[in-house]
Amino acid sequence: MNILSKIIIPLFVFLIIIYGAKKKVNVYDTFLEGAKEGLIMVFHITPTIIAMVFAVNIFLDSNFLTWALNFLKPLFALTKIPMEILPMAILRPISGSATLAIMNDIFLTFGPDSFIGRLASTLQGCTDTTIYVLALYFGSIKVTKSRYALKVGLFADLMGIIAAFIITKIFF
């Protein structure tokens, strides 16, 4: 298996070169054009990514999350949902790396096979980083009016969070 993993990518590149030669395509020039387009795309989306990182840091430093969790504590005590998972549920649509850090802390504190560890894993799989994705994709093609995309994306995330809680309760 180790040898296969070392030769699979060079073999794949070799097959692409053979296929390009068979179709009479200048593979090297096509590769350079693709690399140039990739660099131009990175140049266009960099301001969007910087703005998104800046906004996430402002949100995290504002202590709004702490206030929201204290506000929601009585509601979640009634439903027996662990409070430790709420920062992950709230931040998931905004930042994937922040939620991975929270999930890692949950694993270290409670263990990956605990109820809350499985809930964190299920939540990670049931939701997406909606705001990040919209900022990246819409920023790359210069869409200024997202119309219903944000509402629908956040609603899908809410349904994913609810589904994660239900699935984890049923199966674990």
N, C-alpha and C. Protein backbone atom coordinates (compact mmCIF):
# COMPACT_ATOMS: atom_id res chain seq x y z
N MET A 1 0.82 -1.19 0.00
CA MET A 1 0.00 0.00 0.00
C MET A 1 0.86 1.25 0.00
N ASN A 2 1.99 1.22 0.69
CA ASN A 2 2.88 2.37 0.75
C ASN A 2 3.43 2.71 -0.63
N ILE A 3 3.80 1.70 -1.41
CA ILE A 3 4.33 1.93 -2.75
C ILE A 3 3.25 2.51 -3.66
N LEU A 4 2.03 1.99 -3.54
CA LEU A 4 0.92 2.49 -4.34
C LEU A 4 0.64 3.96 -4.06
N SER A 5 0.70 4.35 -2.79
CA SER A 5 0.45 5.75 -2.44
C SER A 5 1.55 6.67 -2.98
N LYS A 6 2.74 6.16 -3.19
CA LYS A 6 3.83 6.99 -3.71
C LYS A 6 3.79 7.12 -5.22
N ILE A 7 3.19 6.17 -5.91
CA ILE A 7 3.19 6.23 -7.38
C ILE A 7 1.87 6.68 -7.98
N ILE A 8 0.81 6.80 -7.19
CA ILE A 8 -0.50 7.09 -7.75
C ILE A 8 -0.57 8.49 -8.38
N ILE A 9 -0.01 9.51 -7.74
CA ILE A 9 -0.07 10.87 -8.29
C ILE A 9 0.81 11.00 -9.53
N PRO A 10 2.08 10.54 -9.51
CA PRO A 10 2.85 10.61 -10.76
C PRO A 10 2.20 9.81 -11.90
N LEU A 11 1.59 8.68 -11.57
CA LEU A 11 0.89 7.88 -12.58
C LEU A 11 -0.30 8.66 -13.15
N PHE A 12 -1.03 9.33 -12.28
CA PHE A 12 -2.16 10.14 -12.71
C PHE A 12 -1.70 11.27 -13.64
N VAL A 13 -0.62 11.96 -13.28
CA VAL A 13 -0.07 13.04 -14.12
C VAL A 13 0.37 12.47 -15.47
N PHE A 14 1.03 11.32 -15.45
CA PHE A 14 1.48 10.69 -16.68
C PHE A 14 0.28 10.34 -17.58
N LEU A 15 -0.80 9.84 -17.01
CA LEU A 15 -1.99 9.51 -17.79
C LEU A 15 -2.62 10.76 -18.40
N ILE A 16 -2.60 11.87 -17.68
CA ILE A 16 -3.13 13.13 -18.22
C ILE A 16 -2.28 13.59 -19.40
N ILE A 17 -0.96 13.47 -19.29
CA ILE A 17 -0.07 13.87 -20.39
C ILE A 17 -0.31 12.99 -21.61
N ILE A 18 -0.44 11.69 -21.40
CA ILE A 18 -0.71 10.76 -22.52
C ILE A 18 -2.05 11.09 -23.17
N TYR A 19 -3.08 11.34 -22.35
CA TYR A 19 -4.40 11.67 -22.89
C TYR A 19 -4.35 12.97 -23.68
N GLY A 20 -3.65 13.98 -23.15
CA GLY A 20 -3.51 15.26 -23.85
C GLY A 20 -2.78 15.10 -25.18
N ALA A 21 -1.74 14.28 -25.19
CA ALA A 21 -1.01 14.04 -26.44
C ALA A 21 -1.88 13.32 -27.45
N LYS A 22 -2.69 12.39 -26.98
CA LYS A 22 -3.59 11.65 -27.87
C LYS A 22 -4.63 12.58 -28.49
N LYS A 23 -5.11 13.55 -27.70
CA LYS A 23 -6.11 14.52 -28.20
C LYS A 23 -5.45 15.72 -28.89
N LYS A 24 -4.11 15.70 -29.01
CA LYS A 24 -3.33 16.75 -29.66
C LYS A 24 -3.52 18.11 -28.98
N VAL A 25 -3.42 18.10 -27.64
CA VAL A 25 -3.51 19.31 -26.84
C VAL A 25 -2.11 19.60 -26.30
N ASN A 26 -1.71 20.85 -26.35
CA ASN A 26 -0.43 21.25 -25.79
C ASN A 26 -0.60 21.30 -24.26
N VAL A 27 -0.23 20.22 -23.60
CA VAL A 27 -0.48 20.05 -22.17
C VAL A 27 0.25 21.10 -21.35
N TYR A 28 1.47 21.41 -21.70
CA TYR A 28 2.25 22.38 -20.92
C TYR A 28 1.62 23.77 -20.98
N ASP A 29 1.26 24.23 -22.18
CA ASP A 29 0.64 25.55 -22.30
C ASP A 29 -0.71 25.60 -21.60
N THR A 30 -1.46 24.53 -21.70
CA THR A 30 -2.75 24.46 -21.01
C THR A 30 -2.55 24.50 -19.51
N PHE A 31 -1.54 23.81 -19.01
CA PHE A 31 -1.22 23.85 -17.59
C PHE A 31 -0.87 25.26 -17.15
N LEU A 32 -0.04 25.97 -17.94
CA LEU A 32 0.35 27.34 -17.60
C LEU A 32 -0.85 28.28 -17.61
N GLU A 33 -1.77 28.10 -18.56
CA GLU A 33 -2.98 28.92 -18.59
C GLU A 33 -3.82 28.69 -17.33
N GLY A 34 -3.96 27.44 -16.93
CA GLY A 34 -4.72 27.12 -15.72
C GLY A 34 -4.06 27.69 -14.47
N ALA A 35 -2.73 27.61 -14.41
CA ALA A 35 -2.02 28.18 -13.26
C ALA A 35 -2.19 29.70 -13.22
N LYS A 36 -2.15 30.34 -14.39
CA LYS A 36 -2.34 31.80 -14.46
C LYS A 36 -3.75 32.16 -13.99
N GLU A 37 -4.77 31.43 -14.45
CA GLU A 37 -6.15 31.69 -14.02
C GLU A 37 -6.30 31.47 -12.52
N GLY A 38 -5.63 30.45 -11.99
CA GLY A 38 -5.68 30.19 -10.56
C GLY A 38 -5.09 31.33 -9.74
N LEU A 39 -3.97 31.87 -10.20
CA LEU A 39 -3.36 33.00 -9.50
C LEU A 39 -4.24 34.25 -9.56
N ILE A 40 -4.87 34.46 -10.71
CA ILE A 40 -5.79 35.60 -10.83
C ILE A 40 -6.97 35.43 -9.89
N MET A 41 -7.50 34.21 -9.78
CA MET A 41 -8.61 33.94 -8.88
C MET A 41 -8.21 34.18 -7.42
N VAL A 42 -7.01 33.72 -7.05
CA VAL A 42 -6.52 33.97 -5.68
C VAL A 42 -6.41 35.47 -5.42
N PHE A 43 -5.93 36.21 -6.39
CA PHE A 43 -5.82 37.66 -6.26
C PHE A 43 -7.19 38.30 -6.04
N HIS A 44 -8.22 37.80 -6.74
CA HIS A 44 -9.56 38.37 -6.61
C HIS A 44 -10.25 38.01 -5.30
N ILE A 45 -10.01 36.82 -4.77
CA ILE A 45 -10.73 36.41 -3.56
C ILE A 45 -9.99 36.75 -2.26
N THR A 46 -8.74 37.16 -2.35
CA THR A 46 -7.97 37.49 -1.15
C THR A 46 -8.63 38.58 -0.30
N PRO A 47 -9.11 39.70 -0.87
CA PRO A 47 -9.78 40.69 -0.02
C PRO A 47 -11.01 40.13 0.69
N THR A 48 -11.75 39.26 0.03
CA THR A 48 -12.93 38.66 0.64
C THR A 48 -12.53 37.79 1.82
N ILE A 49 -11.49 37.01 1.66
CA ILE A 49 -11.03 36.13 2.74
C ILE A 49 -10.52 36.97 3.91
N ILE A 50 -9.77 38.01 3.63
CA ILE A 50 -9.25 38.87 4.70
C ILE A 50 -10.40 39.52 5.45
N ALA A 51 -11.41 40.01 4.73
CA ALA A 51 -12.57 40.63 5.38
C ALA A 51 -13.32 39.61 6.24
N MET A 52 -13.44 38.38 5.76
CA MET A 52 -14.14 37.35 6.51
C MET A 52 -13.38 37.01 7.80
N VAL A 53 -12.07 36.85 7.71
CA VAL A 53 -11.27 36.56 8.90
C VAL A 53 -11.37 37.71 9.90
N PHE A 54 -11.32 38.93 9.40
CA PHE A 54 -11.44 40.11 10.24
C PHE A 54 -12.80 40.13 10.96
N ALA A 55 -13.87 39.85 10.22
CA ALA A 55 -15.22 39.85 10.80
C ALA A 55 -15.37 38.75 11.85
N VAL A 56 -14.83 37.57 11.59
CA VAL A 56 -14.91 36.47 12.56
C VAL A 56 -14.17 36.84 13.84
N ASN A 57 -13.00 37.44 13.71
CA ASN A 57 -12.24 37.84 14.90
C ASN A 57 -12.97 38.92 15.71
N ILE A 58 -13.61 39.85 15.03
CA ILE A 58 -14.39 40.87 15.74
C ILE A 58 -15.55 40.20 16.48
N PHE A 59 -16.23 39.26 15.82
CA PHE A 59 -17.35 38.56 16.45
C PHE A 59 -16.88 37.80 17.69
N LEU A 60 -15.77 37.09 17.58
CA LEU A 60 -15.29 36.30 18.71
C LEU A 60 -14.80 37.19 19.86
N ASP A 61 -14.19 38.31 19.53
CA ASP A 61 -13.68 39.22 20.56
C ASP A 61 -14.76 40.08 21.21
N SER A 62 -15.95 40.13 20.61
CA SER A 62 -17.01 40.99 21.13
C SER A 62 -17.73 40.39 22.34
N ASN A 63 -17.46 39.13 22.66
CA ASN A 63 -18.12 38.41 23.75
C ASN A 63 -19.62 38.25 23.54
N PHE A 64 -20.09 38.45 22.32
CA PHE A 64 -21.50 38.22 22.01
C PHE A 64 -21.86 36.76 22.23
N LEU A 65 -20.94 35.87 21.90
CA LEU A 65 -21.18 34.44 22.04
C LEU A 65 -21.43 34.08 23.50
N THR A 66 -20.65 34.64 24.41
CA THR A 66 -20.84 34.37 25.84
C THR A 66 -22.20 34.87 26.30
N TRP A 67 -22.57 36.06 25.86
CA TRP A 67 -23.87 36.62 26.22
C TRP A 67 -25.00 35.75 25.69
N ALA A 68 -24.90 35.32 24.43
CA ALA A 68 -25.94 34.50 23.82
C ALA A 68 -26.07 33.16 24.54
N LEU A 69 -24.95 32.57 24.93
CA LEU A 69 -25.00 31.29 25.64
C LEU A 69 -25.64 31.43 27.01
N ASN A 70 -25.34 32.50 27.72
CA ASN A 70 -25.97 32.73 29.02
C ASN A 70 -27.47 32.97 28.88
N PHE A 71 -27.86 33.62 27.80
CA PHE A 71 -29.27 33.87 27.53
C PHE A 71 -30.02 32.57 27.22
N LEU A 72 -29.37 31.66 26.49
CA LEU A 72 -30.01 30.42 26.06
C LEU A 72 -29.88 29.27 27.05
N LYS A 73 -29.13 29.45 28.11
CA LYS A 73 -28.87 28.38 29.08
C LYS A 73 -30.14 27.74 29.65
N PRO A 74 -31.16 28.50 30.07
CA PRO A 74 -32.36 27.86 30.62
C PRO A 74 -33.12 27.02 29.59
N LEU A 75 -33.15 27.49 28.36
CA LEU A 75 -33.85 26.74 27.31
C LEU A 75 -33.19 25.39 27.06
N PHE A 76 -31.87 25.39 26.99
CA PHE A 76 -31.17 24.15 26.71
C PHE A 76 -31.09 23.23 27.93
N ALA A 77 -31.25 23.77 29.12
CA ALA A 77 -31.32 22.92 30.31
C ALA A 77 -32.61 22.08 30.27
N LEU A 78 -33.69 22.66 29.74
CA LEU A 78 -34.94 21.92 29.62
C LEU A 78 -34.85 20.78 28.60
N THR A 79 -34.12 21.01 27.52
CA THR A 79 -34.02 20.00 26.46
C THR A 79 -32.88 19.01 26.69
N LYS A 80 -32.11 19.20 27.75
CA LYS A 80 -30.99 18.33 28.11
C LYS A 80 -29.91 18.29 27.03
N ILE A 81 -29.74 19.41 26.36
CA ILE A 81 -28.66 19.53 25.37
C ILE A 81 -27.46 20.14 26.10
N PRO A 82 -26.28 19.51 26.00
CA PRO A 82 -25.11 20.02 26.73
C PRO A 82 -24.72 21.42 26.27
N MET A 83 -24.48 22.28 27.22
CA MET A 83 -24.10 23.67 26.91
C MET A 83 -22.75 23.76 26.21
N GLU A 84 -21.89 22.78 26.41
CA GLU A 84 -20.55 22.81 25.82
C GLU A 84 -20.58 22.73 24.30
N ILE A 85 -21.69 22.25 23.73
CA ILE A 85 -21.78 22.10 22.28
C ILE A 85 -22.30 23.38 21.61
N LEU A 86 -22.91 24.26 22.38
CA LEU A 86 -23.53 25.45 21.80
C LEU A 86 -22.56 26.40 21.09
N PRO A 87 -21.36 26.66 21.63
CA PRO A 87 -20.44 27.51 20.85
C PRO A 87 -20.13 26.92 19.48
N MET A 88 -20.02 25.62 19.42
CA MET A 88 -19.76 24.98 18.13
C MET A 88 -20.95 25.14 17.19
N ALA A 89 -22.17 24.98 17.72
CA ALA A 89 -23.36 25.10 16.88
C ALA A 89 -23.53 26.53 16.38
N ILE A 90 -23.20 27.51 17.21
CA ILE A 90 -23.37 28.90 16.81
C ILE A 90 -22.29 29.33 15.82
N LEU A 91 -21.06 28.88 16.03
CA LEU A 91 -19.94 29.30 15.17
C LEU A 91 -19.82 28.51 13.88
N ARG A 92 -20.46 27.36 13.79
CA ARG A 92 -20.28 26.50 12.61
C ARG A 92 -20.59 27.22 11.29
N PRO A 93 -21.67 27.99 11.17
CA PRO A 93 -21.90 28.67 9.89
C PRO A 93 -20.87 29.75 9.56
N ILE A 94 -20.10 30.18 10.56
CA ILE A 94 -19.17 31.29 10.36
C ILE A 94 -17.76 30.80 10.09
N SER A 95 -17.27 29.86 10.91
CA SER A 95 -15.86 29.49 10.84
C SER A 95 -15.66 27.99 11.06
N GLY A 96 -15.11 27.34 10.09
CA GLY A 96 -14.82 25.91 10.22
C GLY A 96 -13.65 25.64 11.14
N SER A 97 -12.63 26.48 11.09
CA SER A 97 -11.45 26.24 11.93
C SER A 97 -11.77 26.48 13.40
N ALA A 98 -12.62 27.46 13.70
CA ALA A 98 -13.00 27.69 15.10
C ALA A 98 -13.79 26.51 15.64
N THR A 99 -14.68 25.95 14.82
CA THR A 99 -15.47 24.81 15.30
C THR A 99 -14.61 23.55 15.41
N LEU A 100 -13.61 23.41 14.58
CA LEU A 100 -12.69 22.27 14.74
C LEU A 100 -11.91 22.39 16.04
N ALA A 101 -11.53 23.61 16.40
CA ALA A 101 -10.83 23.83 17.68
C ALA A 101 -11.75 23.51 18.85
N ILE A 102 -13.01 23.93 18.76
CA ILE A 102 -13.97 23.63 19.83
C ILE A 102 -14.19 22.13 19.91
N MET A 103 -14.32 21.46 18.76
CA MET A 103 -14.52 20.01 18.76
C MET A 103 -13.31 19.31 19.36
N ASN A 104 -12.11 19.79 19.08
CA ASN A 104 -10.91 19.20 19.65
C ASN A 104 -10.91 19.35 21.18
N ASP A 105 -11.33 20.52 21.66
CA ASP A 105 -11.43 20.72 23.11
C ASP A 105 -12.46 19.78 23.73
N ILE A 106 -13.57 19.58 23.04
CA ILE A 106 -14.60 18.65 23.53
C ILE A 106 -14.02 17.24 23.59
N PHE A 107 -13.28 16.84 22.57
CA PHE A 107 -12.66 15.51 22.56
C PHE A 107 -11.68 15.35 23.72
N LEU A 108 -10.88 16.39 23.95
CA LEU A 108 -9.90 16.32 25.03
C LEU A 108 -10.57 16.28 26.41
N THR A 109 -11.66 17.02 26.55
CA THR A 109 -12.34 17.10 27.85
C THR A 109 -13.23 15.89 28.12
N PHE A 110 -14.04 15.53 27.14
CA PHE A 110 -15.05 14.49 27.35
C PHE A 110 -14.74 13.17 26.66
N GLY A 111 -13.85 13.19 25.66
CA GLY A 111 -13.52 12.00 24.89
C GLY A 111 -14.36 11.92 23.63
N PRO A 112 -13.80 11.37 22.57
CA PRO A 112 -14.52 11.30 21.30
C PRO A 112 -15.70 10.32 21.32
N ASP A 113 -15.67 9.34 22.22
CA ASP A 113 -16.75 8.35 22.28
C ASP A 113 -17.83 8.71 23.28
N SER A 114 -17.72 9.88 23.92
CA SER A 114 -18.77 10.32 24.83
C SER A 114 -19.95 10.84 24.01
N PHE A 115 -21.07 11.05 24.68
CA PHE A 115 -22.25 11.57 23.98
C PHE A 115 -21.95 12.91 23.34
N ILE A 116 -21.31 13.80 24.09
CA ILE A 116 -21.03 15.13 23.55
C ILE A 116 -19.97 15.08 22.45
N GLY A 117 -19.03 14.14 22.53
CA GLY A 117 -18.05 13.97 21.47
C GLY A 117 -18.69 13.49 20.18
N ARG A 118 -19.61 12.56 20.31
CA ARG A 118 -20.33 12.08 19.12
C ARG A 118 -21.26 13.15 18.57
N LEU A 119 -21.86 13.92 19.48
CA LEU A 119 -22.71 15.03 19.04
C LEU A 119 -21.89 16.06 18.28
N ALA A 120 -20.70 16.37 18.76
CA ALA A 120 -19.81 17.32 18.07
C ALA A 120 -19.44 16.80 16.69
N SER A 121 -19.13 15.53 16.59
CA SER A 121 -18.77 14.94 15.29
C SER A 121 -19.95 14.97 14.33
N THR A 122 -21.12 14.64 14.83
CA THR A 122 -22.32 14.65 13.99
C THR A 122 -22.67 16.07 13.56
N LEU A 123 -22.53 17.01 14.47
CA LEU A 123 -22.79 18.41 14.15
C LEU A 123 -21.83 18.91 13.08
N GLN A 124 -20.59 18.51 13.17
CA GLN A 124 -19.58 18.90 12.18
C GLN A 124 -19.96 18.38 10.79
N GLY A 125 -20.54 17.18 10.75
CA GLY A 125 -20.91 16.59 9.46
C GLY A 125 -22.25 17.08 8.93
N CYS A 126 -23.13 17.53 9.80
CA CYS A 126 -24.48 17.93 9.38
C CYS A 126 -24.58 19.39 8.96
N THR A 127 -23.55 20.18 9.19
CA THR A 127 -23.62 21.61 8.89
C THR A 127 -22.45 22.02 8.01
N ASP A 128 -22.51 23.25 7.55
CA ASP A 128 -21.45 23.78 6.71
C ASP A 128 -21.11 25.19 7.15
N THR A 129 -20.01 25.70 6.66
CA THR A 129 -19.59 27.07 6.97
C THR A 129 -20.25 28.01 5.96
N THR A 130 -21.53 28.21 6.11
CA THR A 130 -22.35 28.93 5.13
C THR A 130 -21.85 30.33 4.84
N ILE A 131 -21.62 31.12 5.87
CA ILE A 131 -21.22 32.51 5.64
C ILE A 131 -19.86 32.58 4.96
N TYR A 132 -18.94 31.70 5.38
CA TYR A 132 -17.62 31.65 4.74
C TYR A 132 -17.76 31.27 3.26
N VAL A 133 -18.56 30.25 2.98
CA VAL A 133 -18.73 29.78 1.60
C VAL A 133 -19.36 30.87 0.74
N LEU A 134 -20.39 31.52 1.27
CA LEU A 134 -21.03 32.59 0.49
C LEU A 134 -20.05 33.74 0.24
N ALA A 135 -19.29 34.11 1.25
CA ALA A 135 -18.33 35.20 1.07
C ALA A 135 -17.27 34.81 0.04
N LEU A 136 -16.80 33.59 0.10
CA LEU A 136 -15.76 33.14 -0.84
C LEU A 136 -16.30 33.04 -2.25
N TYR A 137 -17.41 32.31 -2.43
CA TYR A 137 -17.92 32.08 -3.78
C TYR A 137 -18.49 33.35 -4.40
N PHE A 138 -19.31 34.07 -3.65
CA PHE A 138 -19.88 35.28 -4.21
C PHE A 138 -18.82 36.35 -4.40
N GLY A 139 -17.83 36.39 -3.51
CA GLY A 139 -16.74 37.34 -3.67
C GLY A 139 -15.89 37.04 -4.88
N SER A 140 -15.72 35.77 -5.19
CA SER A 140 -14.86 35.41 -6.33
C SER A 140 -15.50 35.76 -7.67
N ILE A 141 -16.82 35.80 -7.72
CA ILE A 141 -17.48 36.16 -8.98
C ILE A 141 -18.16 37.52 -8.89
N LYS A 142 -17.85 38.25 -7.81
CA LYS A 142 -18.29 39.63 -7.61
C LYS A 142 -19.82 39.77 -7.55
N VAL A 143 -20.49 38.85 -6.90
CA VAL A 143 -21.93 38.97 -6.66
C VAL A 143 -22.11 39.88 -5.45
N THR A 144 -22.90 40.93 -5.61
CA THR A 144 -23.11 41.86 -4.49
C THR A 144 -24.45 41.65 -3.81
N LYS A 145 -25.43 41.10 -4.51
CA LYS A 145 -26.74 40.84 -3.92
C LYS A 145 -26.95 39.33 -3.85
N SER A 146 -26.88 38.81 -2.64
CA SER A 146 -26.98 37.36 -2.48
C SER A 146 -28.42 36.86 -2.47
N ARG A 147 -29.37 37.77 -2.45
CA ARG A 147 -30.79 37.47 -2.47
C ARG A 147 -31.17 36.53 -1.34
N TYR A 148 -31.55 35.30 -1.63
CA TYR A 148 -32.02 34.37 -0.61
C TYR A 148 -30.94 33.38 -0.16
N ALA A 149 -29.77 33.46 -0.72
CA ALA A 149 -28.73 32.46 -0.44
C ALA A 149 -28.37 32.40 1.03
N LEU A 150 -28.21 33.53 1.69
CA LEU A 150 -27.84 33.54 3.10
C LEU A 150 -28.96 32.97 3.96
N LYS A 151 -30.20 33.39 3.71
CA LYS A 151 -31.34 32.89 4.49
C LYS A 151 -31.48 31.38 4.33
N VAL A 152 -31.42 30.92 3.11
CA VAL A 152 -31.58 29.49 2.85
C VAL A 152 -30.41 28.71 3.45
N GLY A 153 -29.20 29.22 3.32
CA GLY A 153 -28.03 28.55 3.88
C GLY A 153 -28.08 28.44 5.39
N LEU A 154 -28.47 29.55 6.05
CA LEU A 154 -28.57 29.52 7.51
C LEU A 154 -29.72 28.63 7.98
N PHE A 155 -30.81 28.61 7.22
CA PHE A 155 -31.92 27.70 7.55
C PHE A 155 -31.47 26.25 7.41
N ALA A 156 -30.70 25.96 6.37
CA ALA A 156 -30.17 24.60 6.19
C ALA A 156 -29.24 24.24 7.34
N ASP A 157 -28.43 25.19 7.79
CA ASP A 157 -27.57 24.95 8.95
C ASP A 157 -28.38 24.68 10.20
N LEU A 158 -29.44 25.45 10.41
CA LEU A 158 -30.31 25.22 11.57
C LEU A 158 -30.92 23.83 11.52
N MET A 159 -31.38 23.42 10.35
CA MET A 159 -31.94 22.07 10.20
C MET A 159 -30.86 21.01 10.43
N GLY A 160 -29.64 21.29 9.99
CA GLY A 160 -28.53 20.37 10.23
C GLY A 160 -28.19 20.25 11.71
N ILE A 161 -28.24 21.37 12.43
CA ILE A 161 -27.99 21.35 13.88
C ILE A 161 -29.07 20.54 14.59
N ILE A 162 -30.32 20.78 14.24
CA ILE A 162 -31.43 20.03 14.84
C ILE A 162 -31.30 18.55 14.50
N ALA A 163 -30.97 18.25 13.24
CA ALA A 163 -30.80 16.85 12.84
C ALA A 163 -29.65 16.19 13.60
N ALA A 164 -28.57 16.92 13.83
CA ALA A 164 -27.44 16.36 14.58
C ALA A 164 -27.86 15.99 15.99
N PHE A 165 -28.63 16.86 16.65
CA PHE A 165 -29.11 16.56 18.00
C PHE A 165 -30.02 15.34 18.00
N ILE A 166 -30.96 15.29 17.05
CA ILE A 166 -31.90 14.17 16.99
C ILE A 166 -31.19 12.86 16.68
N ILE A 167 -30.31 12.88 15.69
CA ILE A 167 -29.58 11.66 15.29
C ILE A 167 -28.72 11.15 16.43
N THR A 168 -28.04 12.06 17.11
CA THR A 168 -27.18 11.65 18.22
C THR A 168 -28.00 11.09 19.36
N LYS A 169 -29.15 11.70 19.66
CA LYS A 169 -30.02 11.19 20.73
C LYS A 169 -30.54 9.79 20.38
N ILE A 170 -30.91 9.58 19.13
CA ILE A 170 -31.49 8.28 18.73
C ILE A 170 -30.43 7.18 18.72
N PHE A 171 -29.28 7.46 18.12
CA PHE A 171 -28.30 6.40 17.91
C PHE A 171 -27.25 6.27 19.00
N PHE A 172 -27.07 7.29 19.83
CA PHE A 172 -26.03 7.21 20.84
C PHE A 172 -26.61 7.49 22.21
